[in-house]
Amino acid sequence: MRTRPLKVALLGCGVVGSEVARIMTTHADDLAARIGAPVELAGVAVRRPAKVREGIDPALVTTDATALVKRGDIDVVVEVIGGIEPARSLITTAFEHGASVVSANKALLAQDGAALHAAAGAHGRDLYYEAAVAGAIPLIRPLRESLAGDKVNRVLGIVNGTTNFILDKMDSTGAGYQEALDEATALGYAEADPTADVEGFDAAAKAAILAGIAFHTRVRLDDVYREGMTEVTAADFRSAKEMGCTIKLLAICERSADGTSVTARVHPAMIPLSHPLASVRGAYNAVFVESDAAGQLMFYGPGAGGSPTASAVLGDLVAVCRNRLNGATGPGESAYADLTVSPMGDVVTRYHISLDVADKPGVLAQVATVFAEHGVSIDTVRQQGKDGEASLVVVTHRAFDASLSGTVEALRKLDTVRGVASIMRVEGE
């Protein structure tokens, strides 16, 4: 074993960063044995240096992150500060000064992953980011390495624990959205401002990363269709149960049937109770991968939190340090396929549409005519009426999203349709 330690700079010392530092200290001997050399925490960049950080030598703490990554003796930079800047500049500076990088920054990687990979390649350094997608769940490495010889056709998953907790609570207790969100906040699952989670921004960033790796194609955050879950109601869950389904906020990345294009999207969807993802409860994450040779694989576990995320960071740190000792680098960006990223309008799926209509003869015929005129085939219809008003629930066969959009606009123009109560996609069949 080499006795000279590999030096690690830590950018950020919050929930995840402090846990990374703790594990590096308490598991130092094990890490050294696994890597083939000891690892040394050489510096910690923070915004509030006066804060007491248990187990961290105050002499290592600095507010000058740029000077830390420029030192030249740093082997690996661990970036857990999040956001776009200064993280992007610090990572590229680290490459320029000879360090490899381990990051948990999903937003930055979804937006500028190609540029960061190019910078890493130009300087012969590693960029690893297992912790950016699903916390402790090993997902990026299996897609990038274990399935490198296979053809992945679909990645379907629950990649945000906060939203899954809220939807699970609505499903199991009948609670409304706000009540479930308040409980998630009280338990620490939801941030004071939950927008990134409940509006799907967090999941969309993860979908962009997963799609890029799975399909060997550059997929940016702007390419991902995003729809939040704030409009999901208790009535939607009742309708889902009548269909033998539940509702999840899903990240869905798919290769087209002809193999020439891909799509990436995040939105609430009904899935059958028989699907493995339907049983994912609480704040857990799970990702379902479908490939030609391996078939169907499911990855499940805690997707967030200090310890789970730190576990993924340390796994990457070990891999990068091993590469460093061997004078090698791991897999970089693979975008050779360069497939077209299609818009949401080209996506084909099933739909559950709930309409408020007048309770009188001929309404169903009018609605059915509109669907037929737009080339959308109806699977089932359920109507309930009382005192001149009715609820009409239509479940379609598979149709293009663009066709469904035109259908809904035409339905809104019917005098007998009082309103469109909800529209939800049906997945997992």
Protein backbone atom coordinates (compact mmCIF):
# COMPACT_ATOMS: atom_id res chain seq x y z
CA MET A 1 0.00 0.00 0.00
CA ARG A 2 1.17 3.51 -0.81
CA THR A 3 1.81 5.50 2.35
CA ARG A 4 1.53 9.00 0.87
CA PRO A 5 -2.13 9.98 1.19
CA LEU A 6 -4.42 11.09 -1.60
CA LYS A 7 -5.66 14.56 -0.71
CA VAL A 8 -9.36 15.43 -0.86
CA ALA A 9 -10.92 18.90 -0.88
CA LEU A 10 -14.51 19.12 0.28
CA LEU A 11 -16.70 21.92 -1.12
CA GLY A 12 -19.67 22.30 1.19
CA CYS A 13 -20.18 20.95 4.68
CA GLY A 14 -23.92 20.80 5.15
CA VAL A 15 -25.98 17.67 5.75
CA VAL A 16 -24.20 15.66 3.06
CA GLY A 17 -20.75 17.22 3.29
CA SER A 18 -20.49 16.78 7.05
CA GLU A 19 -21.47 13.12 6.69
CA VAL A 20 -18.83 12.62 3.97
CA ALA A 21 -16.21 14.09 6.31
CA ARG A 22 -17.38 11.90 9.19
CA ILE A 23 -17.20 8.69 7.15
CA MET A 24 -13.77 9.62 5.79
CA THR A 25 -12.56 9.94 9.37
CA THR A 26 -14.28 7.00 11.05
CA HIS A 27 -13.71 4.57 8.17
CA ALA A 28 -10.23 5.80 7.28
CA ASP A 29 -8.54 2.41 7.63
CA ASP A 30 -11.16 0.58 5.58
CA LEU A 31 -11.07 3.23 2.85
CA ALA A 32 -7.28 3.04 2.70
CA ALA A 33 -7.41 -0.75 2.38
CA ARG A 34 -9.98 -0.57 -0.41
CA ILE A 35 -8.21 2.18 -2.32
CA GLY A 36 -4.61 1.08 -1.79
CA ALA A 37 -3.58 4.35 -0.18
CA PRO A 38 -4.82 6.52 2.67
CA VAL A 39 -7.10 9.47 1.91
CA GLU A 40 -6.67 12.76 3.72
CA LEU A 41 -9.20 15.55 4.07
CA ALA A 42 -7.00 18.48 3.04
CA GLY A 43 -9.49 21.33 3.17
CA VAL A 44 -13.17 22.17 3.62
CA ALA A 45 -14.71 25.20 1.90
CA VAL A 46 -17.76 26.69 3.65
CA ARG A 47 -19.72 29.92 3.76
CA ARG A 48 -19.90 30.19 7.56
CA PRO A 49 -16.49 29.39 9.02
CA ALA A 50 -17.48 30.21 12.61
CA LYS A 51 -19.94 27.33 12.81
CA VAL A 52 -18.72 24.42 14.95
CA ARG A 53 -18.30 21.27 12.83
CA GLU A 54 -17.80 18.22 14.99
CA GLY A 55 -14.91 16.01 13.92
CA ILE A 56 -13.41 18.55 11.51
CA ASP A 57 -10.18 20.34 12.35
CA PRO A 58 -10.97 24.09 12.26
CA ALA A 59 -7.60 24.63 10.59
CA LEU A 60 -8.96 22.87 7.48
CA VAL A 61 -11.93 25.21 7.12
CA THR A 62 -11.79 28.05 4.61
CA THR A 63 -14.15 30.41 2.84
CA ASP A 64 -11.89 30.63 -0.21
CA ALA A 65 -13.07 27.66 -2.28
CA THR A 66 -11.23 28.86 -5.36
CA ALA A 67 -7.87 28.94 -3.59
CA LEU A 68 -8.54 25.46 -2.22
CA VAL A 69 -9.16 23.86 -5.63
CA LYS A 70 -6.18 25.73 -7.11
CA ARG A 71 -3.68 24.37 -4.61
CA GLY A 72 -2.22 21.86 -7.04
CA ASP A 73 -1.70 19.12 -4.44
CA ILE A 74 -5.41 18.18 -4.34
CA ASP A 75 -6.16 14.82 -5.92
CA VAL A 76 -9.96 14.81 -5.68
CA VAL A 77 -12.50 17.59 -5.17
CA VAL A 78 -15.85 16.57 -3.68
CA GLU A 79 -18.51 19.12 -4.60
CA VAL A 80 -21.70 19.08 -2.53
CA ILE A 81 -22.62 22.77 -2.50
CA GLY A 82 -25.25 22.48 -5.25
CA GLY A 83 -26.54 25.13 -7.64
CA ILE A 84 -24.98 26.33 -10.87
CA GLU A 85 -22.46 28.93 -9.69
CA PRO A 86 -19.95 28.94 -8.14
CA ALA A 87 -20.05 25.12 -8.44
CA ARG A 88 -19.46 25.13 -12.21
CA SER A 89 -16.46 27.44 -12.03
CA LEU A 90 -14.97 25.55 -9.10
CA ILE A 91 -15.29 22.20 -10.87
CA THR A 92 -13.66 23.43 -14.07
CA THR A 93 -10.90 25.11 -12.04
CA ALA A 94 -10.32 21.84 -10.21
CA PHE A 95 -9.79 20.04 -13.54
CA GLU A 96 -7.42 22.75 -14.72
CA HIS A 97 -5.31 22.30 -11.59
CA GLY A 98 -5.08 18.52 -11.83
CA ALA A 99 -7.90 17.27 -9.59
CA SER A 100 -10.66 14.80 -10.41
CA VAL A 101 -14.18 15.62 -9.22
CA VAL A 102 -16.97 13.81 -7.40
CA SER A 103 -20.24 15.75 -7.46
CA ALA A 104 -23.81 15.39 -6.21
CA ASN A 105 -24.99 18.40 -8.23
CA LYS A 106 -27.92 17.20 -10.37
CA ALA A 107 -28.98 20.68 -11.51
CA LEU A 108 -25.52 21.55 -12.84
CA LEU A 109 -24.98 18.16 -14.49
CA ALA A 110 -28.39 18.28 -16.17
CA GLN A 111 -27.68 21.75 -17.53
CA ASP A 112 -23.96 21.61 -18.35
CA GLY A 113 -22.96 17.96 -18.14
CA ALA A 114 -21.51 17.90 -21.66
CA ALA A 115 -19.23 20.89 -20.98
CA LEU A 116 -18.07 19.45 -17.67
CA HIS A 117 -17.29 16.08 -19.24
CA ALA A 118 -15.36 17.86 -21.99
CA ALA A 119 -13.33 19.78 -19.40
CA ALA A 120 -12.60 16.57 -17.48
CA GLY A 121 -11.51 14.83 -20.67
CA ALA A 122 -9.33 17.70 -21.78
CA HIS A 123 -7.34 17.47 -18.55
CA GLY A 124 -7.39 13.67 -18.24
CA ARG A 125 -9.44 13.69 -15.07
CA ASP A 126 -12.54 11.89 -13.76
CA LEU A 127 -16.04 13.30 -13.24
CA TYR A 128 -18.22 10.97 -11.15
CA TYR A 129 -21.72 11.77 -9.88
CA GLU A 130 -23.58 8.71 -8.59
CA ALA A 131 -25.07 10.78 -5.76
CA ALA A 132 -26.72 13.21 -8.17
CA VAL A 133 -29.63 10.97 -9.12
CA ALA A 134 -30.96 8.62 -6.46
CA GLY A 135 -29.01 8.97 -3.24
CA ALA A 136 -27.62 5.66 -2.06
CA ILE A 137 -29.17 3.66 -4.90
CA PRO A 138 -26.47 2.43 -7.31
CA LEU A 139 -27.90 3.51 -10.64
CA ILE A 140 -25.50 5.56 -12.73
CA ARG A 141 -22.67 3.04 -12.52
CA PRO A 142 -24.92 0.08 -13.51
CA LEU A 143 -26.24 2.08 -16.49
CA ARG A 144 -22.81 3.36 -17.48
CA GLU A 145 -20.81 0.20 -16.85
CA SER A 146 -22.81 -2.94 -16.02
CA LEU A 147 -25.25 -2.39 -18.91
CA ALA A 148 -22.64 -0.93 -21.27
CA GLY A 149 -22.97 -3.95 -23.56
CA ASP A 150 -26.77 -3.91 -23.57
CA LYS A 151 -29.39 -1.70 -25.21
CA VAL A 152 -31.54 0.18 -22.71
CA ASN A 153 -35.00 0.98 -24.03
CA ARG A 154 -36.75 2.53 -21.05
CA VAL A 155 -36.01 3.99 -17.63
CA LEU A 156 -39.09 4.54 -15.48
CA GLY A 157 -38.76 5.69 -11.92
CA ILE A 158 -39.66 7.48 -8.73
CA VAL A 159 -36.65 9.71 -8.18
CA ASN A 160 -37.92 12.20 -5.59
CA GLY A 161 -38.65 11.05 -2.06
CA THR A 162 -40.60 14.15 -1.02
CA THR A 163 -43.22 13.79 -3.74
CA ASN A 164 -43.50 10.06 -3.21
CA PHE A 165 -44.12 10.60 0.50
CA ILE A 166 -46.87 13.14 -0.25
CA LEU A 167 -48.60 10.99 -2.88
CA ASP A 168 -48.31 7.87 -0.72
CA LYS A 169 -49.92 9.73 2.18
CA MET A 170 -52.75 10.93 -0.06
CA ASP A 171 -53.26 7.38 -1.30
CA SER A 172 -53.15 5.60 2.06
CA THR A 173 -55.09 8.11 4.19
CA GLY A 174 -57.29 10.02 1.75
CA ALA A 175 -55.57 13.28 2.73
CA GLY A 176 -55.58 16.26 0.40
CA TYR A 177 -52.41 17.61 -1.19
CA GLN A 178 -51.86 20.47 1.29
CA GLU A 179 -52.44 18.26 4.32
CA ALA A 180 -49.94 15.69 3.04
CA LEU A 181 -47.41 18.42 2.20
CA ASP A 182 -47.73 19.90 5.70
CA GLU A 183 -46.95 16.50 7.21
CA ALA A 184 -43.96 16.04 4.89
CA THR A 185 -42.67 19.45 5.97
CA ALA A 186 -43.14 18.68 9.67
CA LEU A 187 -41.21 15.43 9.28
CA GLY A 188 -38.36 17.13 7.42
CA TYR A 189 -39.03 15.46 4.05
CA ALA A 190 -40.07 18.73 2.38
CA GLU A 191 -38.11 21.99 2.34
CA ALA A 192 -39.64 25.24 3.55
CA ASP A 193 -39.98 26.06 -0.16
CA PRO A 194 -40.91 22.71 -1.77
CA THR A 195 -41.19 24.07 -5.31
CA ALA A 196 -38.21 22.18 -6.75
CA ASP A 197 -39.72 18.90 -5.57
CA VAL A 198 -43.47 19.27 -6.04
CA GLU A 199 -43.21 21.06 -9.40
CA GLY A 200 -40.92 18.35 -10.76
CA PHE A 201 -37.72 20.39 -11.27
CA ASP A 202 -35.63 18.03 -9.15
CA ALA A 203 -36.95 14.94 -10.93
CA ALA A 204 -36.52 16.57 -14.34
CA ALA A 205 -32.81 17.18 -13.71
CA LYS A 206 -32.39 13.54 -12.73
CA ALA A 207 -34.32 12.42 -15.81
CA ALA A 208 -31.98 14.40 -18.07
CA ILE A 209 -28.94 12.70 -16.51
CA LEU A 210 -30.47 9.23 -16.71
CA ALA A 211 -31.63 9.63 -20.30
CA GLY A 212 -28.21 10.84 -21.42
CA ILE A 213 -26.46 7.85 -19.89
CA ALA A 214 -29.05 5.25 -20.87
CA PHE A 215 -29.33 6.28 -24.52
CA HIS A 216 -25.79 7.59 -25.18
CA THR A 217 -27.30 10.90 -26.24
CA ARG A 218 -26.96 14.40 -24.83
CA VAL A 219 -30.18 15.27 -23.03
CA ARG A 220 -30.32 18.63 -21.28
CA LEU A 221 -32.73 19.85 -18.65
CA ASP A 222 -34.56 21.95 -21.27
CA ASP A 223 -35.28 18.76 -23.23
CA VAL A 224 -37.28 17.24 -20.39
CA TYR A 225 -41.04 17.76 -20.29
CA ARG A 226 -42.01 18.68 -16.73
CA GLU A 227 -45.36 18.71 -14.97
CA GLY A 228 -45.73 19.04 -11.21
CA MET A 229 -48.07 17.23 -8.84
CA THR A 230 -49.75 20.13 -7.03
CA GLU A 231 -53.01 19.63 -8.93
CA VAL A 232 -53.39 15.96 -7.94
CA THR A 233 -56.50 15.58 -5.77
CA ALA A 234 -58.09 13.03 -3.49
CA ALA A 235 -60.68 12.54 -6.25
CA ASP A 236 -57.89 11.51 -8.62
CA PHE A 237 -56.82 8.83 -6.16
CA ARG A 238 -60.40 7.58 -5.90
CA SER A 239 -60.54 7.31 -9.68
CA ALA A 240 -57.18 5.53 -9.72
CA LYS A 241 -58.38 2.98 -7.17
CA GLU A 242 -61.47 2.27 -9.29
CA MET A 243 -59.05 1.36 -12.09
CA GLY A 244 -56.85 -0.77 -9.83
CA CYS A 245 -54.11 1.90 -9.92
CA THR A 246 -52.28 4.39 -7.75
CA ILE A 247 -50.61 7.70 -8.63
CA LYS A 248 -46.87 8.41 -8.66
CA LEU A 249 -44.73 11.28 -9.91
CA LEU A 250 -42.64 9.49 -12.51
CA ALA A 251 -39.48 10.25 -14.45
CA ILE A 252 -39.80 8.43 -17.78
CA CYS A 253 -37.03 8.14 -20.35
CA GLU A 254 -37.84 6.14 -23.49
CA ARG A 255 -36.31 5.12 -26.77
CA SER A 256 -38.73 5.28 -29.70
CA ALA A 257 -39.93 2.06 -31.32
CA ASP A 258 -37.81 2.71 -34.42
CA GLY A 259 -34.76 3.55 -32.29
CA THR A 260 -34.15 6.95 -33.90
CA SER A 261 -35.27 9.22 -31.07
CA VAL A 262 -35.74 9.45 -27.31
CA THR A 263 -38.04 11.30 -24.95
CA ALA A 264 -37.63 12.36 -21.33
CA ARG A 265 -40.53 13.52 -19.17
CA VAL A 266 -41.66 14.01 -15.59
CA HIS A 267 -45.31 14.06 -14.59
CA PRO A 268 -47.89 12.41 -12.31
CA ALA A 269 -49.27 9.17 -13.72
CA MET A 270 -51.57 6.35 -12.77
CA ILE A 271 -49.82 3.00 -12.61
CA PRO A 272 -51.38 -0.43 -11.98
CA LEU A 273 -51.11 -1.77 -8.46
CA SER A 274 -49.45 -4.83 -10.00
CA HIS A 275 -46.46 -2.77 -11.19
CA PRO A 276 -43.39 -2.93 -8.88
CA LEU A 277 -43.26 0.86 -8.59
CA ALA A 278 -46.77 0.96 -7.12
CA SER A 279 -45.51 -0.60 -3.89
CA VAL A 280 -42.76 1.99 -3.32
CA ARG A 281 -43.91 3.75 -0.16
CA GLY A 282 -42.93 6.76 1.91
CA ALA A 283 -39.85 8.76 0.93
CA TYR A 284 -38.18 5.89 -0.93
CA ASN A 285 -37.03 5.96 -4.56
CA ALA A 286 -37.10 3.20 -7.15
CA VAL A 287 -36.07 3.03 -10.79
CA PHE A 288 -37.25 0.40 -13.27
CA VAL A 289 -34.91 -0.26 -16.22
CA GLU A 290 -35.88 -2.22 -19.33
CA SER A 291 -33.18 -3.45 -21.73
CA ASP A 292 -32.88 -5.92 -24.59
CA ALA A 293 -30.66 -8.54 -22.97
CA ALA A 294 -31.03 -8.02 -19.22
CA GLY A 295 -34.79 -7.57 -19.43
CA GLN A 296 -36.41 -5.78 -16.50
CA LEU A 297 -34.32 -4.56 -13.56
CA MET A 298 -35.42 -2.58 -10.51
CA PHE A 299 -33.23 -0.44 -8.24
CA TYR A 300 -34.75 0.52 -4.88
CA GLY A 301 -33.70 2.36 -1.74
CA PRO A 302 -33.47 5.70 0.09
CA GLY A 303 -33.02 8.45 -2.46
CA ALA A 304 -32.00 11.35 -0.23
CA GLY A 305 -30.64 12.30 3.18
CA GLY A 306 -27.17 12.86 4.55
CA SER A 307 -26.05 9.28 5.10
CA PRO A 308 -27.51 7.70 1.91
CA THR A 309 -26.15 10.47 -0.32
CA ALA A 310 -22.78 10.40 1.43
CA SER A 311 -22.65 6.65 0.79
CA ALA A 312 -22.87 7.30 -2.97
CA VAL A 313 -20.29 10.09 -2.75
CA LEU A 314 -17.82 7.83 -0.91
CA GLY A 315 -18.37 5.06 -3.45
CA ASP A 316 -17.37 7.47 -6.20
CA LEU A 317 -14.46 8.74 -4.13
CA VAL A 318 -13.06 5.21 -3.80
CA ALA A 319 -13.41 4.61 -7.55
CA VAL A 320 -11.78 7.91 -8.48
CA CYS A 321 -8.91 7.41 -6.02
CA ARG A 322 -8.25 3.93 -7.42
CA ASN A 323 -8.12 5.42 -10.92
CA ARG A 324 -5.75 8.08 -9.66
CA LEU A 325 -3.36 5.48 -8.24
CA ASN A 326 -3.45 3.48 -11.47
CA GLY A 327 -2.90 6.52 -13.70
CA ALA A 328 -6.22 5.87 -15.40
CA THR A 329 -9.66 7.43 -15.75
CA GLY A 330 -13.10 5.88 -15.67
CA PRO A 331 -15.88 6.17 -18.25
CA GLY A 332 -16.54 9.66 -19.50
CA GLU A 333 -19.50 10.97 -21.44
CA SER A 334 -20.92 8.58 -24.04
CA ALA A 335 -23.02 10.54 -26.54
CA TYR A 336 -22.07 8.70 -29.71
CA ALA A 337 -25.67 7.72 -30.57
CA ASP A 338 -26.70 11.38 -30.91
CA LEU A 339 -30.39 10.49 -31.12
CA THR A 340 -33.06 13.10 -31.66
CA VAL A 341 -34.77 14.23 -28.45
CA SER A 342 -38.45 14.38 -29.37
CA PRO A 343 -40.97 16.80 -27.82
CA MET A 344 -43.79 15.73 -25.52
CA GLY A 345 -46.29 15.92 -28.37
CA ASP A 346 -44.69 12.84 -29.94
CA VAL A 347 -45.14 10.72 -26.80
CA VAL A 348 -47.70 7.92 -27.01
CA THR A 349 -49.49 6.86 -23.84
CA ARG A 350 -52.91 6.20 -22.31
CA TYR A 351 -55.00 8.91 -20.64
CA HIS A 352 -57.55 9.18 -17.88
CA ILE A 353 -59.80 12.22 -18.47
CA SER A 354 -62.49 13.35 -16.02
CA LEU A 355 -65.13 15.73 -17.40
CA ASP A 356 -67.91 17.65 -15.69
CA VAL A 357 -70.87 17.50 -18.10
CA ALA A 358 -74.57 18.16 -18.31
CA ASP A 359 -76.66 15.16 -17.28
CA LYS A 360 -78.83 14.79 -20.38
CA PRO A 361 -79.14 12.51 -23.40
CA GLY A 362 -76.58 12.84 -26.20
CA VAL A 363 -73.66 14.06 -24.11
CA LEU A 364 -71.73 10.81 -24.38
CA ALA A 365 -72.26 10.73 -28.14
CA GLN A 366 -70.91 14.29 -28.49
CA VAL A 367 -67.85 13.50 -26.41
CA ALA A 368 -67.19 10.27 -28.28
CA THR A 369 -67.42 12.14 -31.60
CA VAL A 370 -64.76 14.62 -30.51
CA PHE A 371 -62.39 11.79 -29.58
CA ALA A 372 -63.02 10.07 -32.90
CA GLU A 373 -62.44 13.27 -34.89
CA HIS A 374 -59.00 13.61 -33.29
CA GLY A 375 -58.03 10.00 -33.85
CA VAL A 376 -58.09 9.06 -30.15
CA SER A 377 -59.60 5.66 -29.43
CA ILE A 378 -61.66 5.20 -26.25
CA ASP A 379 -61.04 2.19 -24.02
CA THR A 380 -63.64 2.65 -21.28
CA VAL A 381 -66.25 5.24 -20.23
CA ARG A 382 -67.89 5.71 -16.85
CA GLN A 383 -70.70 8.22 -16.21
CA GLN A 384 -72.40 9.25 -13.00
CA GLY A 385 -75.16 11.89 -12.89
CA LYS A 386 -77.34 13.72 -10.40
CA ASP A 387 -79.54 16.86 -10.43
CA GLY A 388 -78.67 17.86 -13.98
CA GLU A 389 -74.90 17.50 -13.57
CA ALA A 390 -72.70 14.49 -14.27
CA SER A 391 -69.15 13.26 -14.15
CA LEU A 392 -67.84 11.49 -17.25
CA VAL A 393 -64.58 9.54 -16.98
CA VAL A 394 -62.92 8.47 -20.22
CA VAL A 395 -59.90 6.17 -20.41
CA THR A 396 -58.25 6.09 -23.82
CA HIS A 397 -56.17 3.59 -25.69
CA ARG A 398 -52.63 4.74 -26.46
CA ALA A 399 -52.52 8.06 -28.29
CA PHE A 400 -50.09 10.86 -29.15
CA ASP A 401 -49.92 13.61 -26.54
CA ALA A 402 -50.45 16.19 -29.30
CA SER A 403 -53.65 14.41 -30.38
CA LEU A 404 -54.93 14.38 -26.83
CA SER A 405 -54.21 18.10 -26.43
CA GLY A 406 -56.34 18.88 -29.48
CA THR A 407 -59.08 16.61 -28.16
CA VAL A 408 -59.24 18.40 -24.83
CA GLU A 409 -59.41 21.82 -26.46
CA ALA A 410 -62.32 20.66 -28.61
CA LEU A 411 -64.09 19.17 -25.58
CA ARG A 412 -63.87 22.49 -23.76
CA LYS A 413 -65.84 24.12 -26.60
CA LEU A 414 -68.82 21.79 -26.22
CA ASP A 415 -71.83 23.43 -24.57
CA THR A 416 -72.52 20.22 -22.65
CA VAL A 417 -69.04 20.08 -21.11
CA ARG A 418 -68.89 22.25 -17.98
CA GLY A 419 -65.19 21.69 -17.43
CA VAL A 420 -62.23 19.32 -17.55
CA ALA A 421 -61.76 18.19 -13.96
CA SER A 422 -58.51 16.34 -14.49
CA ILE A 423 -56.26 14.75 -17.10
CA MET A 424 -53.75 12.12 -16.10
CA ARG A 425 -51.53 9.76 -18.03
CA VAL A 426 -51.65 6.02 -17.41
CA GLU A 427 -48.26 4.28 -17.42
CA GLY A 428 -46.69 0.96 -16.61
CA GLU A 429 -48.77 -1.32 -18.80
